[in-house]
N, C-alpha and C. Protein backbone atom coordinates (compact mmCIF):
# COMPACT_ATOMS: atom_id res chain seq x y z
N THR A 1 131.93 160.31 86.25
CA THR A 1 131.58 159.51 86.59
C THR A 1 132.27 158.73 87.44
N LEU A 2 131.46 157.55 87.87
CA LEU A 2 132.04 156.53 88.74
C LEU A 2 131.90 154.85 87.82
N ALA A 3 133.26 154.18 88.21
CA ALA A 3 133.05 152.76 87.89
C ALA A 3 133.53 151.73 88.35
N THR A 4 133.07 150.56 88.43
CA THR A 4 133.90 149.42 89.13
C THR A 4 134.57 148.63 88.04
N ILE A 5 136.11 148.86 88.43
CA ILE A 5 136.74 148.29 87.59
C ILE A 5 137.72 147.39 88.04
N PRO A 6 138.71 146.07 87.76
CA PRO A 6 139.17 145.29 88.46
C PRO A 6 140.10 145.71 89.56
N ALA A 7 140.82 147.08 89.54
CA ALA A 7 141.76 147.31 90.11
C ALA A 7 141.24 148.04 91.20
N GLY A 8 139.77 148.42 91.39
CA GLY A 8 139.17 149.58 92.32
C GLY A 8 137.66 149.93 91.70
N ARG A 9 137.58 151.21 92.48
CA ARG A 9 136.46 152.22 91.60
C ARG A 9 137.69 153.00 90.93
N GLN A 10 136.88 153.72 89.67
CA GLN A 10 137.49 154.49 88.78
C GLN A 10 136.65 155.89 88.92
N VAL A 11 136.81 157.19 89.39
CA VAL A 11 136.29 157.94 89.36
C VAL A 11 136.92 159.28 88.42
N SER A 12 135.97 159.63 87.28
CA SER A 12 136.38 160.46 86.44
C SER A 12 135.64 161.63 86.40
N PHE A 13 136.29 162.90 86.38
CA PHE A 13 135.53 164.32 86.47
C PHE A 13 136.25 165.23 85.78
N ALA A 14 135.72 166.33 85.45
CA ALA A 14 135.86 167.76 84.72
C ALA A 14 136.98 168.62 85.62
N VAL A 15 138.21 168.83 85.25
CA VAL A 15 139.36 169.64 85.59
C VAL A 15 139.56 171.30 85.37
N ALA A 16 140.45 172.09 85.65
CA ALA A 16 140.86 172.82 85.29
C ALA A 16 142.22 172.49 85.01
N PRO A 17 142.77 172.57 83.70
CA PRO A 17 144.32 172.28 83.64
C PRO A 17 145.08 172.97 84.26
N GLY A 18 146.08 172.41 84.66
CA GLY A 18 147.26 172.58 85.78
C GLY A 18 146.70 172.80 87.10
N TYR A 19 145.64 172.88 87.30
CA TYR A 19 144.80 172.72 89.09
C TYR A 19 145.18 171.68 89.96
N VAL A 20 145.72 171.71 91.02
CA VAL A 20 145.98 170.41 92.11
C VAL A 20 144.33 170.40 92.67
N TYR A 21 144.14 168.94 92.55
CA TYR A 21 143.09 168.65 93.24
C TYR A 21 143.24 167.13 94.27
N ARG A 22 142.64 167.38 95.16
CA ARG A 22 142.83 166.24 96.23
C ARG A 22 141.42 165.29 96.11
N MET A 23 141.61 164.23 96.42
CA MET A 23 140.23 163.04 96.30
C MET A 23 140.08 162.89 97.65
N LEU A 24 138.90 163.04 97.84
CA LEU A 24 138.69 162.75 99.43
C LEU A 24 137.48 161.35 99.06
N GLN A 25 137.20 160.52 100.11
CA GLN A 25 136.38 159.52 99.96
C GLN A 25 135.80 159.28 101.41
N THR A 26 134.71 158.80 101.71
CA THR A 26 134.23 158.34 102.83
C THR A 26 133.10 157.11 102.68
N THR A 27 132.40 156.48 103.60
CA THR A 27 131.41 155.33 103.50
C THR A 27 130.01 155.93 103.74
N ASN A 28 130.39 157.52 104.43
CA ASN A 28 128.88 157.70 105.19
C ASN A 28 129.03 159.30 104.93
N MET A 29 127.97 159.56 104.03
CA MET A 29 128.16 161.35 103.92
C MET A 29 128.46 162.33 104.66
N ALA A 30 127.90 161.84 106.27
CA ALA A 30 128.25 163.05 107.36
C ALA A 30 129.96 162.67 107.53
N GLY A 31 130.75 162.00 106.86
CA GLY A 31 131.88 161.73 107.27
C GLY A 31 132.32 160.92 108.34
N PRO A 32 133.45 160.84 108.27
CA PRO A 32 134.91 161.61 108.36
C PRO A 32 135.15 161.06 106.91
N TRP A 33 135.85 162.52 106.02
CA TRP A 33 136.07 162.32 104.85
C TRP A 33 137.95 162.20 105.04
N THR A 34 138.47 161.23 104.11
CA THR A 34 139.68 160.95 103.92
C THR A 34 140.08 161.07 102.63
N SER A 35 141.35 161.80 102.93
CA SER A 35 142.14 162.09 101.64
C SER A 35 142.81 160.94 101.16
N ILE A 36 142.62 160.39 100.04
CA ILE A 36 143.14 159.38 99.31
C ILE A 36 144.22 159.65 97.98
N GLY A 37 144.21 160.97 97.67
CA GLY A 37 145.26 160.89 96.97
C GLY A 37 145.20 162.42 96.30
N THR A 38 146.41 162.90 95.42
CA THR A 38 146.02 164.31 95.13
C THR A 38 146.78 164.25 93.71
N LEU A 39 146.10 164.78 92.59
CA LEU A 39 146.36 164.98 91.35
C LEU A 39 146.35 166.58 90.82
N THR A 40 146.95 166.06 89.41
CA THR A 40 146.87 167.68 88.79
C THR A 40 146.24 167.68 87.26
N GLY A 41 145.32 168.39 87.33
CA GLY A 41 144.13 168.56 86.05
C GLY A 41 145.07 168.41 84.96
N PRO A 42 145.06 167.30 84.09
CA PRO A 42 145.39 167.27 82.79
C PRO A 42 145.02 168.41 81.61
N GLU A 43 145.82 168.70 80.68
CA GLU A 43 145.29 169.47 79.61
C GLU A 43 144.11 169.31 78.68
N THR A 44 143.77 167.47 79.06
CA THR A 44 142.65 166.99 78.39
C THR A 44 141.41 168.13 79.25
N GLY A 45 141.47 168.31 80.24
CA GLY A 45 140.45 168.78 81.24
C GLY A 45 139.38 167.73 81.67
N VAL A 46 139.61 166.56 81.70
CA VAL A 46 139.20 165.31 82.23
C VAL A 46 140.17 164.60 82.67
N SER A 47 140.11 164.36 84.29
CA SER A 47 141.14 163.71 85.24
C SER A 47 140.62 162.13 85.39
N THR A 48 140.99 161.25 85.58
CA THR A 48 140.42 159.86 86.23
C THR A 48 141.67 159.27 87.53
N PHE A 49 140.71 159.26 88.74
CA PHE A 49 141.31 158.64 89.74
C PHE A 49 141.05 157.27 90.29
N ILE A 50 141.87 156.19 90.13
CA ILE A 50 141.23 154.89 90.30
C ILE A 50 141.94 154.59 92.01
N ASP A 51 140.82 154.38 92.99
CA ASP A 51 140.88 154.07 94.05
C ASP A 51 141.10 152.85 94.33
N THR A 52 142.32 151.92 94.57
CA THR A 52 142.52 150.74 94.78
C THR A 52 142.32 150.32 96.08
N ASN A 53 141.90 151.10 97.38
CA ASN A 53 141.84 150.65 98.28
C ASN A 53 140.24 150.59 98.87
N ALA A 54 139.32 150.81 97.90
CA ALA A 54 137.85 151.00 97.92
C ALA A 54 137.12 150.08 98.77
N SER A 55 136.48 150.55 99.55
CA SER A 55 135.64 149.58 100.47
C SER A 55 134.71 148.43 99.98
N THR A 56 134.11 147.42 100.22
CA THR A 56 133.62 146.71 99.68
C THR A 56 131.80 147.10 99.60
N GLY A 57 131.73 148.15 100.22
CA GLY A 57 129.96 148.66 100.64
C GLY A 57 130.26 149.95 99.76
N GLN A 58 129.34 150.72 100.20
CA GLN A 58 129.17 151.94 99.16
C GLN A 58 130.21 152.93 99.69
N SER A 59 130.67 153.54 98.82
CA SER A 59 131.91 154.60 98.66
C SER A 59 131.12 156.11 98.26
N PHE A 60 131.55 157.25 98.94
CA PHE A 60 131.18 158.28 98.21
C PHE A 60 132.53 159.17 97.74
N TYR A 61 132.73 159.90 97.29
CA TYR A 61 133.75 160.53 96.87
C TYR A 61 133.83 162.10 96.39
N ARG A 62 134.54 163.08 96.72
CA ARG A 62 134.45 164.66 96.11
C ARG A 62 135.82 165.21 96.21
N THR A 63 136.12 165.90 95.35
CA THR A 63 137.25 166.47 95.38
C THR A 63 137.31 167.74 95.82
N VAL A 64 138.31 168.45 96.58
CA VAL A 64 138.73 169.84 96.61
C VAL A 64 139.86 170.39 96.23
N THR A 65 140.06 171.55 96.27
CA THR A 65 141.40 172.23 95.88
C THR A 65 142.16 172.49 97.39
N PRO A 66 143.42 172.28 97.11
CA PRO A 66 144.07 172.73 98.79
C PRO A 66 144.00 174.31 98.77
């Protein structure tokens, strides 16, 4: 899910616990995609990432494993 919060944009998504994910962001689906952070999936199976540098326009997000 994606939500706008006072700190920026919050992205929550299902993960495999213990796996490492990179969060990528772009303002155009064609790219370029920029890596904005790395996280490890928690035991709950749901991770939350907050993009504190989100653009004021539209943004697209995806996750990849290294």
